[in-house]
PDB file of all heavy atoms in Angstrom:
ATOM      1  N   SER A   1      -5.326   7.701  13.727  1.00  0.00           N
ATOM      2  CA  SER A   1      -6.017   6.457  14.051  1.00  0.00           C
ATOM      3  C   SER A   1      -5.027   5.316  14.235  1.00  0.00           C
ATOM      4  O   SER A   1      -3.889   5.358  13.760  1.00  0.00           O
ATOM      5  CB  SER A   1      -7.031   6.097  12.956  1.00  0.00           C
ATOM      6  OG  SER A   1      -6.378   5.843  11.722  1.00  0.00           O
ATOM      7  N   LEU A   2      -5.481   4.282  14.923  1.00  0.00           N
ATOM      8  CA  LEU A   2      -4.707   3.057  15.134  1.00  0.00           C
ATOM      9  C   LEU A   2      -5.522   1.940  14.504  1.00  0.00           C
ATOM     10  O   LEU A   2      -6.548   1.511  15.040  1.00  0.00           O
ATOM     11  CB  LEU A   2      -4.493   2.828  16.626  1.00  0.00           C
ATOM     12  CG  LEU A   2      -3.708   1.601  17.095  1.00  0.00           C
ATOM     13  CD1 LEU A   2      -2.415   1.422  16.324  1.00  0.00           C
ATOM     14  CD2 LEU A   2      -3.432   1.696  18.589  1.00  0.00           C
ATOM     15  N   MET A   3      -5.081   1.465  13.342  1.00  0.00           N
ATOM     16  CA  MET A   3      -5.871   0.568  12.513  1.00  0.00           C
ATOM     17  C   MET A   3      -5.193  -0.783  12.358  1.00  0.00           C
ATOM     18  O   MET A   3      -3.970  -0.866  12.288  1.00  0.00           O
ATOM     19  CB  MET A   3      -6.060   1.199  11.120  1.00  0.00           C
ATOM     20  CG  MET A   3      -7.127   0.532  10.274  1.00  0.00           C
ATOM     21  SD  MET A   3      -7.028   1.084   8.548  1.00  0.00           S
ATOM     22  CE  MET A   3      -5.938  -0.177   7.904  1.00  0.00           C
ATOM     23  N   GLY A   4      -5.994  -1.844  12.310  1.00  0.00           N
ATOM     24  CA  GLY A   4      -5.489  -3.177  12.056  1.00  0.00           C
ATOM     25  C   GLY A   4      -5.802  -3.613  10.636  1.00  0.00           C
ATOM     26  O   GLY A   4      -6.850  -3.258  10.088  1.00  0.00           O
ATOM     27  N   LEU A   5      -4.886  -4.383  10.058  1.00  0.00           N
ATOM     28  CA  LEU A   5      -5.072  -4.936   8.716  1.00  0.00           C
ATOM     29  C   LEU A   5      -4.881  -6.440   8.838  1.00  0.00           C
ATOM     30  O   LEU A   5      -3.777  -6.902   9.143  1.00  0.00           O
ATOM     31  CB  LEU A   5      -4.063  -4.329   7.742  1.00  0.00           C
ATOM     32  CG  LEU A   5      -4.147  -4.741   6.269  1.00  0.00           C
ATOM     33  CD1 LEU A   5      -5.484  -4.335   5.658  1.00  0.00           C
ATOM     34  CD2 LEU A   5      -2.998  -4.117   5.480  1.00  0.00           C
ATOM     35  N   ILE A   6      -5.969  -7.221   8.628  1.00  0.00           N
ATOM     36  CA  ILE A   6      -5.890  -8.657   8.826  1.00  0.00           C
ATOM     37  C   ILE A   6      -6.392  -9.399   7.594  1.00  0.00           C
ATOM     38  O   ILE A   6      -6.990  -8.822   6.691  1.00  0.00           O
ATOM     39  CB  ILE A   6      -6.693  -9.112  10.068  1.00  0.00           C
ATOM     40  CG1 ILE A   6      -8.205  -8.931   9.844  1.00  0.00           C
ATOM     41  CG2 ILE A   6      -6.231  -8.375  11.320  1.00  0.00           C
ATOM     42  CD1 ILE A   6      -9.057  -9.547  10.948  1.00  0.00           C
ATOM     43  N   GLY A   7      -6.138 -10.698   7.596  1.00  0.00           N
ATOM     44  CA  GLY A   7      -6.569 -11.563   6.518  1.00  0.00           C
ATOM     45  C   GLY A   7      -5.753 -12.836   6.518  1.00  0.00           C
ATOM     46  O   GLY A   7      -4.687 -12.897   7.136  1.00  0.00           O
ATOM     47  N   PRO A   8      -6.218 -13.880   5.846  1.00  0.00           N
ATOM     48  CA  PRO A   8      -5.459 -15.139   5.793  1.00  0.00           C
ATOM     49  C   PRO A   8      -4.109 -14.941   5.129  1.00  0.00           C
ATOM     50  O   PRO A   8      -3.868 -13.925   4.461  1.00  0.00           O
ATOM     51  CB  PRO A   8      -6.358 -16.049   4.934  1.00  0.00           C
ATOM     52  CG  PRO A   8      -7.685 -15.377   4.877  1.00  0.00           C
ATOM     53  CD  PRO A   8      -7.449 -13.926   5.058  1.00  0.00           C
ATOM     54  N   ASN A   9      -3.224 -15.920   5.275  1.00  0.00           N
ATOM     55  CA  ASN A   9      -1.955 -15.882   4.550  1.00  0.00           C
ATOM     56  C   ASN A   9      -2.230 -15.744   3.059  1.00  0.00           C
ATOM     57  O   ASN A   9      -3.108 -16.420   2.515  1.00  0.00           O
ATOM     58  CB  ASN A   9      -1.146 -17.155   4.813  1.00  0.00           C
ATOM     59  CG  ASN A   9      -0.595 -17.207   6.225  1.00  0.00           C
ATOM     60  OD1 ASN A   9      -0.383 -16.172   6.849  1.00  0.00           O
ATOM     61  ND2 ASN A   9      -0.379 -18.404   6.741  1.00  0.00           N
ATOM     62  N   GLY A  10      -1.479 -14.858   2.407  1.00  0.00           N
ATOM     63  CA  GLY A  10      -1.676 -14.648   0.979  1.00  0.00           C
ATOM     64  C   GLY A  10      -2.772 -13.661   0.638  1.00  0.00           C
ATOM     65  O   GLY A  10      -3.111 -13.485  -0.541  1.00  0.00           O
ATOM     66  N   ALA A  11      -3.321 -12.979   1.650  1.00  0.00           N
ATOM     67  CA  ALA A  11      -4.406 -12.030   1.390  1.00  0.00           C
ATOM     68  C   ALA A  11      -3.919 -10.741   0.740  1.00  0.00           C
ATOM     69  O   ALA A  11      -4.724  -9.973   0.215  1.00  0.00           O
ATOM     70  CB  ALA A  11      -5.147 -11.705   2.691  1.00  0.00           C
ATOM     71  N   GLY A  12      -2.604 -10.478   0.799  1.00  0.00           N
ATOM     72  CA  GLY A  12      -2.064  -9.284   0.163  1.00  0.00           C
ATOM     73  C   GLY A  12      -1.642  -8.187   1.112  1.00  0.00           C
ATOM     74  O   GLY A  12      -1.294  -7.086   0.686  1.00  0.00           O
ATOM     75  N   LYS A  13      -1.602  -8.475   2.400  1.00  0.00           N
ATOM     76  CA  LYS A  13      -1.324  -7.444   3.401  1.00  0.00           C
ATOM     77  C   LYS A  13       0.099  -6.891   3.270  1.00  0.00           C
ATOM     78  O   LYS A  13       0.299  -5.676   3.197  1.00  0.00           O
ATOM     79  CB  LYS A  13      -1.545  -8.011   4.813  1.00  0.00           C
ATOM     80  CG  LYS A  13      -2.906  -8.657   5.012  1.00  0.00           C
ATOM     81  CD  LYS A  13      -3.086  -9.231   6.399  1.00  0.00           C
ATOM     82  CE  LYS A  13      -2.118 -10.356   6.720  1.00  0.00           C
ATOM     83  NZ  LYS A  13      -2.323 -11.564   5.893  1.00  0.00           N
ATOM     84  N   SER A  14       1.088  -7.787   3.272  1.00  0.00           N
ATOM     85  CA  SER A  14       2.473  -7.326   3.164  1.00  0.00           C
ATOM     86  C   SER A  14       2.756  -6.720   1.795  1.00  0.00           C
ATOM     87  O   SER A  14       3.530  -5.760   1.679  1.00  0.00           O
ATOM     88  CB  SER A  14       3.444  -8.487   3.434  1.00  0.00           C
ATOM     89  OG  SER A  14       3.376  -8.885   4.796  1.00  0.00           O
ATOM     90  N   THR A  15       2.121  -7.269   0.759  1.00  0.00           N
ATOM     91  CA  THR A  15       2.276  -6.676  -0.574  1.00  0.00           C
ATOM     92  C   THR A  15       1.756  -5.246  -0.577  1.00  0.00           C
ATOM     93  O   THR A  15       2.376  -4.345  -1.157  1.00  0.00           O
ATOM     94  CB  THR A  15       1.529  -7.507  -1.636  1.00  0.00           C
ATOM     95  OG1 THR A  15       2.071  -8.828  -1.668  1.00  0.00           O
ATOM     96  CG2 THR A  15       1.659  -6.878  -3.014  1.00  0.00           C
ATOM     97  N   LEU A  16       0.630  -5.027   0.092  1.00  0.00           N
ATOM     98  CA  LEU A  16       0.085  -3.672   0.168  1.00  0.00           C
ATOM     99  C   LEU A  16       1.047  -2.745   0.898  1.00  0.00           C
ATOM    100  O   LEU A  16       1.262  -1.603   0.464  1.00  0.00           O
ATOM    101  CB  LEU A  16      -1.274  -3.693   0.860  1.00  0.00           C
ATOM    102  CG  LEU A  16      -2.005  -2.352   0.922  1.00  0.00           C
ATOM    103  CD1 LEU A  16      -2.289  -1.818  -0.478  1.00  0.00           C
ATOM    104  CD2 LEU A  16      -3.305  -2.477   1.716  1.00  0.00           C
ATOM    105  N   PHE A  17       1.651  -3.207   1.987  1.00  0.00           N
ATOM    106  CA  PHE A  17       2.666  -2.405   2.673  1.00  0.00           C
ATOM    107  C   PHE A  17       3.812  -2.069   1.728  1.00  0.00           C
ATOM    108  O   PHE A  17       4.329  -0.941   1.726  1.00  0.00           O
ATOM    109  CB  PHE A  17       3.197  -3.161   3.890  1.00  0.00           C
ATOM    110  CG  PHE A  17       2.439  -2.900   5.164  1.00  0.00           C
ATOM    111  CD1 PHE A  17       1.191  -2.298   5.163  1.00  0.00           C
ATOM    112  CD2 PHE A  17       2.978  -3.253   6.396  1.00  0.00           C
ATOM    113  CE1 PHE A  17       0.493  -2.062   6.342  1.00  0.00           C
ATOM    114  CE2 PHE A  17       2.311  -3.013   7.578  1.00  0.00           C
ATOM    115  CZ  PHE A  17       1.060  -2.424   7.550  1.00  0.00           C
ATOM    116  N   ASN A  18       4.239  -3.041   0.918  1.00  0.00           N
ATOM    117  CA  ASN A  18       5.323  -2.796  -0.032  1.00  0.00           C
ATOM    118  C   ASN A  18       4.928  -1.774  -1.090  1.00  0.00           C
ATOM    119  O   ASN A  18       5.767  -0.989  -1.560  1.00  0.00           O
ATOM    120  CB  ASN A  18       5.733  -4.106  -0.708  1.00  0.00           C
ATOM    121  CG  ASN A  18       6.517  -5.014   0.209  1.00  0.00           C
ATOM    122  OD1 ASN A  18       7.158  -4.555   1.162  1.00  0.00           O
ATOM    123  ND2 ASN A  18       6.479  -6.308  -0.049  1.00  0.00           N
ATOM    124  N   LEU A  19       3.665  -1.754  -1.455  1.00  0.00           N
ATOM    125  CA  LEU A  19       3.175  -0.768  -2.426  1.00  0.00           C
ATOM    126  C   LEU A  19       3.150   0.627  -1.810  1.00  0.00           C
ATOM    127  O   LEU A  19       3.547   1.616  -2.443  1.00  0.00           O
ATOM    128  CB  LEU A  19       1.774  -1.154  -2.918  1.00  0.00           C
ATOM    129  CG  LEU A  19       1.703  -2.414  -3.788  1.00  0.00           C
ATOM    130  CD1 LEU A  19       0.249  -2.862  -3.945  1.00  0.00           C
ATOM    131  CD2 LEU A  19       2.316  -2.159  -5.162  1.00  0.00           C
ATOM    132  N   ILE A  20       2.695   0.715  -0.567  1.00  0.00           N
ATOM    133  CA  ILE A  20       2.632   2.019   0.096  1.00  0.00           C
ATOM    134  C   ILE A  20       4.040   2.590   0.275  1.00  0.00           C
ATOM    135  O   ILE A  20       4.271   3.790   0.057  1.00  0.00           O
ATOM    136  CB  ILE A  20       1.938   1.895   1.472  1.00  0.00           C
ATOM    137  CG1 ILE A  20       0.466   1.482   1.296  1.00  0.00           C
ATOM    138  CG2 ILE A  20       2.015   3.232   2.239  1.00  0.00           C
ATOM    139  CD1 ILE A  20      -0.204   1.087   2.613  1.00  0.00           C
ATOM    140  N   SER A  21       4.995   1.736   0.658  1.00  0.00           N
ATOM    141  CA  SER A  21       6.349   2.212   0.951  1.00  0.00           C
ATOM    142  C   SER A  21       7.237   2.302  -0.287  1.00  0.00           C
ATOM    143  O   SER A  21       8.402   2.697  -0.176  1.00  0.00           O
ATOM    144  CB  SER A  21       7.009   1.324   2.006  1.00  0.00           C
ATOM    145  OG  SER A  21       7.006  -0.029   1.610  1.00  0.00           O
ATOM    146  N   GLY A  22       6.712   1.926  -1.454  1.00  0.00           N
ATOM    147  CA  GLY A  22       7.441   2.135  -2.700  1.00  0.00           C
ATOM    148  C   GLY A  22       8.364   1.005  -3.114  1.00  0.00           C
ATOM    149  O   GLY A  22       9.076   1.133  -4.112  1.00  0.00           O
ATOM    150  N   LEU A  23       8.370  -0.110  -2.377  1.00  0.00           N
ATOM    151  CA  LEU A  23       9.196  -1.244  -2.784  1.00  0.00           C
ATOM    152  C   LEU A  23       8.638  -1.905  -4.045  1.00  0.00           C
ATOM    153  O   LEU A  23       9.385  -2.472  -4.836  1.00  0.00           O
ATOM    154  CB  LEU A  23       9.300  -2.265  -1.653  1.00  0.00           C
ATOM    155  CG  LEU A  23      10.015  -1.774  -0.390  1.00  0.00           C
ATOM    156  CD1 LEU A  23      10.035  -2.866   0.668  1.00  0.00           C
ATOM    157  CD2 LEU A  23      11.441  -1.337  -0.708  1.00  0.00           C
ATOM    158  N   TYR A  24       7.309  -1.866  -4.198  1.00  0.00           N
ATOM    159  CA  TYR A  24       6.650  -2.286  -5.428  1.00  0.00           C
ATOM    160  C   TYR A  24       5.888  -1.097  -5.992  1.00  0.00           C
ATOM    161  O   TYR A  24       5.508  -0.177  -5.247  1.00  0.00           O
ATOM    162  CB  TYR A  24       5.635  -3.409  -5.186  1.00  0.00           C
ATOM    163  CG  TYR A  24       6.174  -4.689  -4.622  1.00  0.00           C
ATOM    164  CD1 TYR A  24       5.357  -5.521  -3.859  1.00  0.00           C
ATOM    165  CD2 TYR A  24       7.485  -5.099  -4.849  1.00  0.00           C
ATOM    166  CE1 TYR A  24       5.820  -6.716  -3.328  1.00  0.00           C
ATOM    167  CE2 TYR A  24       7.966  -6.294  -4.316  1.00  0.00           C
ATOM    168  CZ  TYR A  24       7.123  -7.093  -3.560  1.00  0.00           C
ATOM    169  OH  TYR A  24       7.587  -8.270  -3.040  1.00  0.00           O
ATOM    170  N   GLU A  25       5.645  -1.136  -7.292  1.00  0.00           N
ATOM    171  CA  GLU A  25       4.793  -0.117  -7.916  1.00  0.00           C
ATOM    172  C   GLU A  25       3.525  -0.786  -8.425  1.00  0.00           C
ATOM    173  O   GLU A  25       3.587  -1.822  -9.099  1.00  0.00           O
ATOM    174  CB  GLU A  25       5.521   0.575  -9.074  1.00  0.00           C
ATOM    175  CG  GLU A  25       4.734   1.749  -9.638  1.00  0.00           C
ATOM    176  CD  GLU A  25       5.568   2.636 -10.541  1.00  0.00           C
ATOM    177  OE1 GLU A  25       6.810   2.595 -10.432  1.00  0.00           O
ATOM    178  OE2 GLU A  25       4.962   3.377 -11.357  1.00  0.00           O
ATOM    179  N   PRO A  26       2.363  -0.240  -8.104  1.00  0.00           N
ATOM    180  CA  PRO A  26       1.118  -0.872  -8.554  1.00  0.00           C
ATOM    181  C   PRO A  26       0.927  -0.771 -10.061  1.00  0.00           C
ATOM    182  O   PRO A  26       1.470   0.127 -10.704  1.00  0.00           O
ATOM    183  CB  PRO A  26       0.040  -0.085  -7.809  1.00  0.00           C
ATOM    184  CG  PRO A  26       0.654   1.247  -7.543  1.00  0.00           C
ATOM    185  CD  PRO A  26       2.116   0.983  -7.327  1.00  0.00           C
ATOM    186  N   GLU A  27       0.151  -1.715 -10.593  1.00  0.00           N
ATOM    187  CA  GLU A  27      -0.190  -1.661 -12.011  1.00  0.00           C
ATOM    188  C   GLU A  27      -1.250  -0.601 -12.282  1.00  0.00           C
ATOM    189  O   GLU A  27      -1.338  -0.056 -13.386  1.00  0.00           O
ATOM    190  CB  GLU A  27      -0.711  -3.029 -12.464  1.00  0.00           C
ATOM    191  CG  GLU A  27       0.327  -4.125 -12.374  1.00  0.00           C
ATOM    192  CD  GLU A  27      -0.297  -5.491 -12.095  1.00  0.00           C
ATOM    193  OE1 GLU A  27      -1.550  -5.604 -12.142  1.00  0.00           O
ATOM    194  OE2 GLU A  27       0.462  -6.434 -11.841  1.00  0.00           O
ATOM    195  N   SER A  28      -2.052  -0.355 -11.265  1.00  0.00           N
ATOM    196  CA  SER A  28      -3.105   0.659 -11.401  1.00  0.00           C
ATOM    197  C   SER A  28      -3.446   1.186 -10.026  1.00  0.00           C
ATOM    198  O   SER A  28      -3.112   0.591  -9.003  1.00  0.00           O
ATOM    199  CB  SER A  28      -4.354   0.051 -12.053  1.00  0.00           C
ATOM    200  OG  SER A  28      -4.887  -0.983 -11.237  1.00  0.00           O
ATOM    201  N   GLY A  29      -4.117   2.322 -10.018  1.00  0.00           N
ATOM    202  CA  GLY A  29      -4.580   2.885  -8.768  1.00  0.00           C
ATOM    203  C   GLY A  29      -3.706   4.008  -8.243  1.00  0.00           C
ATOM    204  O   GLY A  29      -2.679   4.364  -8.832  1.00  0.00           O
ATOM    205  N   SER A  30      -4.128   4.543  -7.115  1.00  0.00           N
ATOM    206  CA  SER A  30      -3.482   5.700  -6.507  1.00  0.00           C
ATOM    207  C   SER A  30      -3.278   5.461  -5.017  1.00  0.00           C
ATOM    208  O   SER A  30      -4.128   4.852  -4.354  1.00  0.00           O
ATOM    209  CB  SER A  30      -4.350   6.946  -6.723  1.00  0.00           C
ATOM    210  OG  SER A  30      -3.871   8.053  -5.978  1.00  0.00           O
ATOM    211  N   ILE A  31      -2.134   5.917  -4.501  1.00  0.00           N
ATOM    212  CA  ILE A  31      -1.851   5.885  -3.064  1.00  0.00           C
ATOM    213  C   ILE A  31      -1.405   7.290  -2.674  1.00  0.00           C
ATOM    214  O   ILE A  31      -0.357   7.764  -3.116  1.00  0.00           O
ATOM    215  CB  ILE A  31      -0.751   4.868  -2.720  1.00  0.00           C
ATOM    216  CG1 ILE A  31      -1.129   3.469  -3.211  1.00  0.00           C
ATOM    217  CG2 ILE A  31      -0.487   4.858  -1.214  1.00  0.00           C
ATOM    218  CD1 ILE A  31      -0.020   2.448  -3.067  1.00  0.00           C
ATOM    219  N   ARG A  32      -2.199   7.949  -1.862  1.00  0.00           N
ATOM    220  CA  ARG A  32      -1.906   9.335  -1.509  1.00  0.00           C
ATOM    221  C   ARG A  32      -1.733   9.470   0.000  1.00  0.00           C
ATOM    222  O   ARG A  32      -2.553   8.967   0.774  1.00  0.00           O
ATOM    223  CB  ARG A  32      -3.032  10.272  -1.990  1.00  0.00           C
ATOM    224  CG  ARG A  32      -3.261  10.228  -3.493  1.00  0.00           C
ATOM    225  CD  ARG A  32      -4.282  11.264  -3.943  1.00  0.00           C
ATOM    226  NE  ARG A  32      -3.756  12.611  -3.859  1.00  0.00           N
ATOM    227  CZ  ARG A  32      -3.029  13.181  -4.817  1.00  0.00           C
ATOM    228  NH1 ARG A  32      -2.739  12.509  -5.930  1.00  0.00           N
ATOM    229  NH2 ARG A  32      -2.585  14.410  -4.677  1.00  0.00           N
ATOM    230  N   LEU A  33      -0.668  10.144   0.393  1.00  0.00           N
ATOM    231  CA  LEU A  33      -0.406  10.444   1.796  1.00  0.00           C
ATOM    232  C   LEU A  33      -0.455  11.946   1.982  1.00  0.00           C
ATOM    233  O   LEU A  33       0.331  12.676   1.373  1.00  0.00           O
ATOM    234  CB  LEU A  33       0.965   9.917   2.224  1.00  0.00           C
ATOM    235  CG  LEU A  33       1.370  10.236   3.671  1.00  0.00           C
ATOM    236  CD1 LEU A  33       0.569   9.385   4.645  1.00  0.00           C
ATOM    237  CD2 LEU A  33       2.863  10.034   3.887  1.00  0.00           C
ATOM    238  N   ASP A  34      -1.388  12.392   2.822  1.00  0.00           N
ATOM    239  CA  ASP A  34      -1.516  13.826   3.078  1.00  0.00           C
ATOM    240  C   ASP A  34      -1.642  14.586   1.754  1.00  0.00           C
ATOM    241  O   ASP A  34      -1.045  15.649   1.564  1.00  0.00           O
ATOM    242  CB  ASP A  34      -0.315  14.323   3.884  1.00  0.00           C
ATOM    243  CG  ASP A  34      -0.650  15.522   4.761  1.00  0.00           C
ATOM    244  OD1 ASP A  34      -1.839  15.879   4.837  1.00  0.00           O
ATOM    245  OD2 ASP A  34       0.274  16.101   5.344  1.00  0.00           O
ATOM    246  N   ASP A  35      -2.404  13.995   0.820  1.00  0.00           N
ATOM    247  CA  ASP A  35      -2.705  14.530  -0.507  1.00  0.00           C
ATOM    248  C   ASP A  35      -1.494  14.546  -1.443  1.00  0.00           C
ATOM    249  O   ASP A  35      -1.524  15.176  -2.501  1.00  0.00           O
ATOM    250  CB  ASP A  35      -3.316  15.935  -0.427  1.00  0.00           C
ATOM    251  CG  ASP A  35      -4.315  16.170  -1.555  1.00  0.00           C
ATOM    252  OD1 ASP A  35      -4.917  15.190  -2.033  1.00  0.00           O
ATOM    253  OD2 ASP A  35      -4.474  17.329  -1.969  1.00  0.00           O
ATOM    254  N   GLU A  36      -0.419  13.831  -1.081  1.00  0.00           N
ATOM    255  CA  GLU A  36       0.740  13.671  -1.968  1.00  0.00           C
ATOM    256  C   GLU A  36       0.690  12.284  -2.593  1.00  0.00           C
ATOM    257  O   GLU A  36       0.572  11.275  -1.883  1.00  0.00           O
ATOM    258  CB  GLU A  36       2.047  13.809  -1.182  1.00  0.00           C
ATOM    259  CG  GLU A  36       2.358  15.219  -0.715  1.00  0.00           C
ATOM    260  CD  GLU A  36       3.146  16.018  -1.743  1.00  0.00           C
ATOM    261  OE1 GLU A  36       3.444  15.465  -2.824  1.00  0.00           O
ATOM    262  OE2 GLU A  36       3.454  17.186  -1.445  1.00  0.00           O
ATOM    263  N   GLU A  37       0.775  12.208  -3.929  1.00  0.00           N
ATOM    264  CA  GLU A  37       0.780  10.920  -4.610  1.00  0.00           C
ATOM    265  C   GLU A  37       2.098  10.200  -4.354  1.00  0.00           C
ATOM    266  O   GLU A  37       3.181  10.761  -4.567  1.00  0.00           O
ATOM    267  CB  GLU A  37       0.571  11.108  -6.119  1.00  0.00           C
ATOM    268  CG  GLU A  37       0.550   9.811  -6.917  1.00  0.00           C
ATOM    269  CD  GLU A  37      -0.584   8.889  -6.497  1.00  0.00           C
ATOM    270  OE1 GLU A  37      -1.761   9.290  -6.642  1.00  0.00           O
ATOM    271  OE2 GLU A  37      -0.267   7.779  -6.018  1.00  0.00           O
ATOM    272  N   LEU A  38       2.002   8.935  -3.889  1.00  0.00           N
ATOM    273  CA  LEU A  38       3.202   8.150  -3.606  1.00  0.00           C
ATOM    274  C   LEU A  38       3.614   7.257  -4.772  1.00  0.00           C
ATOM    275  O   LEU A  38       4.795   6.906  -4.878  1.00  0.00           O
ATOM    276  CB  LEU A  38       2.982   7.276  -2.368  1.00  0.00           C
ATOM    277  CG  LEU A  38       2.609   7.990  -1.052  1.00  0.00           C
ATOM    278  CD1 LEU A  38       2.552   6.982   0.086  1.00  0.00           C
ATOM    279  CD2 LEU A  38       3.579   9.120  -0.737  1.00  0.00           C
ATOM    280  N   VAL A  39       2.675   6.888  -5.616  1.00  0.00           N
ATOM    281  CA  VAL A  39       2.976   5.987  -6.722  1.00  0.00           C
ATOM    282  C   VAL A  39       3.992   6.635  -7.660  1.00  0.00           C
ATOM    283  O   VAL A  39       3.842   7.792  -8.061  1.00  0.00           O
ATOM    284  CB  VAL A  39       1.699   5.614  -7.499  1.00  0.00           C
ATOM    285  CG1 VAL A  39       2.048   4.801  -8.753  1.00  0.00           C
ATOM    286  CG2 VAL A  39       0.751   4.815  -6.614  1.00  0.00           C
ATOM    287  N   GLY A  40       5.048   5.881  -7.974  1.00  0.00           N
ATOM    288  CA  GLY A  40       6.088   6.390  -8.864  1.00  0.00           C
ATOM    289  C   GLY A  40       7.261   7.013  -8.155  1.00  0.00           C
ATOM    290  O   GLY A  40       8.274   7.326  -8.785  1.00  0.00           O
ATOM    291  N   ARG A  41       7.164   7.174  -6.835  1.00  0.00           N
ATOM    292  CA  ARG A  41       8.274   7.753  -6.066  1.00  0.00           C
ATOM    293  C   ARG A  41       9.195   6.651  -5.544  1.00  0.00           C
ATOM    294  O   ARG A  41       8.767   5.514  -5.313  1.00  0.00           O
ATOM    295  CB  ARG A  41       7.749   8.579  -4.891  1.00  0.00           C
ATOM    296  CG  ARG A  41       6.954   9.817  -5.290  1.00  0.00           C
ATOM    297  CD  ARG A  41       6.477  10.534  -4.044  1.00  0.00           C
ATOM    298  NE  ARG A  41       5.631  11.685  -4.330  1.00  0.00           N
ATOM    299  CZ  ARG A  41       6.052  12.934  -4.389  1.00  0.00           C
ATOM    300  NH1 ARG A  41       7.340  13.214  -4.193  1.00  0.00           N
ATOM    301  NH2 ARG A  41       5.203  13.915  -4.633  1.00  0.00           N
TER     302      ARG A  41
END
């Protein structure tokens, strides 16, 4: 799919990208790619 992620400044979009790519680690929750857990990597 080709998906857009929008919201006002400060909505958390870039932070979410940083969480997915591992630059930040979430306090809670799960991020799975192709059924592989990314959190903690």
